[in-house]
């Protein structure tokens, strides 16, 4: 986890982030379906030949990015960012 204090252009406060990478035996399409049905507010969703990515806003205000990669085994990465006054 990293913290940045008073970064230029941002209000004073703390920004925290965390990223995690996972492997799963589930198929790429199963993992994409799981994230499509997550229930979070989707800000953006994009597809490339090798991955699907989302930017979502969670109820607590956290912005999260999820990327599912069409690899063997399937991998997915979660990056969460939250700013506190």
C-alpha atoms as a PDB file:
ATOM      1  CA  UNK A   1       0.000   0.000   0.000  1.00  0.00           C
ATOM      2  CA  UNK A   2       1.242   3.477  -0.848  1.00  0.00           C
ATOM      3  CA  UNK A   3       0.242   6.891   0.432  1.00  0.00           C
ATOM      4  CA  UNK A   4       0.782  10.260  -1.256  1.00  0.00           C
ATOM      5  CA  UNK A   5       0.301  13.465   0.751  1.00  0.00           C
ATOM      6  CA  UNK A   6      -0.739  16.760  -0.848  1.00  0.00           C
ATOM      7  CA  UNK A   7       0.131  15.824  -4.422  1.00  0.00           C
ATOM      8  CA  UNK A   8       0.078  18.685  -6.969  1.00  0.00           C
ATOM      9  CA  UNK A   9      -3.387  19.400  -8.351  1.00  0.00           C
ATOM     10  CA  UNK A  10      -5.119  17.297  -5.701  1.00  0.00           C
ATOM     11  CA  UNK A  11      -6.801  18.497  -2.530  1.00  0.00           C
ATOM     12  CA  UNK A  12      -4.742  18.090   0.624  1.00  0.00           C
ATOM     13  CA  UNK A  13      -5.320  14.726   2.143  1.00  0.00           C
ATOM     14  CA  UNK A  14      -4.253  11.173   1.650  1.00  0.00           C
ATOM     15  CA  UNK A  15      -4.544   8.950  -1.390  1.00  0.00           C
ATOM     16  CA  UNK A  16      -4.109   5.252  -0.784  1.00  0.00           C
ATOM     17  CA  UNK A  17      -3.942   2.453  -3.280  1.00  0.00           C
ATOM     18  CA  UNK A  18      -3.517  -1.276  -3.360  1.00  0.00           C
ATOM     19  CA  UNK A  19      -3.051  -3.679  -6.234  1.00  0.00           C
ATOM     20  CA  UNK A  20      -3.350  -7.431  -6.372  1.00  0.00           C
ATOM     21  CA  UNK A  21      -2.895 -10.048  -9.108  1.00  0.00           C
ATOM     22  CA  UNK A  22      -4.638 -13.412  -9.030  1.00  0.00           C
ATOM     23  CA  UNK A  23      -4.607 -16.609 -11.081  1.00  0.00           C
ATOM     24  CA  UNK A  24      -7.666 -18.813 -11.487  1.00  0.00           C
ATOM     25  CA  UNK A  25      -8.523 -22.086 -13.185  1.00  0.00           C
ATOM     26  CA  UNK A  26     -11.831 -20.562 -14.363  1.00  0.00           C
ATOM     27  CA  UNK A  27     -12.139 -19.671 -18.018  1.00  0.00           C
ATOM     28  CA  UNK A  28     -11.618 -16.137 -19.280  1.00  0.00           C
ATOM     29  CA  UNK A  29     -15.332 -15.842 -20.169  1.00  0.00           C
ATOM     30  CA  UNK A  30     -16.407 -17.026 -16.683  1.00  0.00           C
ATOM     31  CA  UNK A  31     -14.251 -14.398 -14.977  1.00  0.00           C
ATOM     32  CA  UNK A  32     -15.460 -11.643 -17.344  1.00  0.00           C
ATOM     33  CA  UNK A  33     -19.076 -12.659 -16.579  1.00  0.00           C
ATOM     34  CA  UNK A  34     -18.347 -12.483 -12.848  1.00  0.00           C
ATOM     35  CA  UNK A  35     -17.059  -8.909 -13.111  1.00  0.00           C
ATOM     36  CA  UNK A  36     -19.879  -7.889 -15.481  1.00  0.00           C
ATOM     37  CA  UNK A  37     -22.350  -8.949 -12.769  1.00  0.00           C
ATOM     38  CA  UNK A  38     -20.443  -7.455  -9.812  1.00  0.00           C
ATOM     39  CA  UNK A  39     -23.116  -4.865  -9.043  1.00  0.00           C
ATOM     40  CA  UNK A  40     -20.653  -1.971  -8.845  1.00  0.00           C
ATOM     41  CA  UNK A  41     -21.258   1.278 -10.747  1.00  0.00           C
ATOM     42  CA  UNK A  42     -19.332   0.816 -14.005  1.00  0.00           C
ATOM     43  CA  UNK A  43     -17.594   4.021 -15.058  1.00  0.00           C
ATOM     44  CA  UNK A  44     -15.919   2.455 -18.093  1.00  0.00           C
ATOM     45  CA  UNK A  45     -15.516  -0.987 -19.683  1.00  0.00           C
ATOM     46  CA  UNK A  46     -13.167  -1.771 -22.541  1.00  0.00           C
ATOM     47  CA  UNK A  47     -12.175  -4.869 -24.489  1.00  0.00           C
ATOM     48  CA  UNK A  48      -8.936  -5.678 -26.280  1.00  0.00           C
ATOM     49  CA  UNK A  49      -8.008  -8.906 -28.072  1.00  0.00           C
ATOM     50  CA  UNK A  50      -6.266 -10.162 -24.918  1.00  0.00           C
ATOM     51  CA  UNK A  51      -8.092  -8.560 -21.995  1.00  0.00           C
ATOM     52  CA  UNK A  52     -11.235  -6.923 -20.645  1.00  0.00           C
ATOM     53  CA  UNK A  53     -10.958  -4.006 -18.218  1.00  0.00           C
ATOM     54  CA  UNK A  54     -13.369  -2.067 -16.009  1.00  0.00           C
ATOM     55  CA  UNK A  55     -13.223   1.098 -13.962  1.00  0.00           C
ATOM     56  CA  UNK A  56     -15.867   0.966 -11.232  1.00  0.00           C
ATOM     57  CA  UNK A  57     -16.983   3.125  -8.341  1.00  0.00           C
ATOM     58  CA  UNK A  58     -17.825   1.224  -5.200  1.00  0.00           C
ATOM     59  CA  UNK A  59     -20.443   2.350  -2.626  1.00  0.00           C
ATOM     60  CA  UNK A  60     -17.705   3.576  -0.240  1.00  0.00           C
ATOM     61  CA  UNK A  61     -16.325   5.920  -2.926  1.00  0.00           C
ATOM     62  CA  UNK A  62     -13.341   3.739  -3.771  1.00  0.00           C
ATOM     63  CA  UNK A  63     -12.447   3.690  -7.451  1.00  0.00           C
ATOM     64  CA  UNK A  64     -11.301   0.266  -8.593  1.00  0.00           C
ATOM     65  CA  UNK A  65      -9.823  -1.010 -11.821  1.00  0.00           C
ATOM     66  CA  UNK A  66     -10.139  -4.666 -12.774  1.00  0.00           C
ATOM     67  CA  UNK A  67      -8.332  -6.258 -15.701  1.00  0.00           C
ATOM     68  CA  UNK A  68      -8.980  -9.854 -16.739  1.00  0.00           C
ATOM     69  CA  UNK A  69      -6.356 -11.300 -19.082  1.00  0.00           C
ATOM     70  CA  UNK A  70      -7.003 -14.150 -21.485  1.00  0.00           C
ATOM     71  CA  UNK A  71      -3.987 -16.204 -20.418  1.00  0.00           C
ATOM     72  CA  UNK A  72      -3.537 -19.797 -19.285  1.00  0.00           C
ATOM     73  CA  UNK A  73      -4.274 -19.812 -16.423  1.00  0.00           C
ATOM     74  CA  UNK A  74      -6.594 -16.804 -16.518  1.00  0.00           C
ATOM     75  CA  UNK A  75      -5.213 -13.873 -14.517  1.00  0.00           C
ATOM     76  CA  UNK A  76      -6.931 -10.811 -13.149  1.00  0.00           C
ATOM     77  CA  UNK A  77      -5.622  -7.683 -11.485  1.00  0.00           C
ATOM     78  CA  UNK A  78      -7.465  -5.408  -9.058  1.00  0.00           C
ATOM     79  CA  UNK A  79      -6.253  -1.891  -8.336  1.00  0.00           C
ATOM     80  CA  UNK A  80      -8.135   0.233  -5.791  1.00  0.00           C
ATOM     81  CA  UNK A  81      -7.623   3.933  -5.121  1.00  0.00           C
ATOM     82  CA  UNK A  82      -9.220   5.969  -2.339  1.00  0.00           C
ATOM     83  CA  UNK A  83      -8.792   9.568  -1.340  1.00  0.00           C
ATOM     84  CA  UNK A  84      -9.475  10.880   2.155  1.00  0.00           C
ATOM     85  CA  UNK A  85      -9.783  14.556   3.123  1.00  0.00           C
END
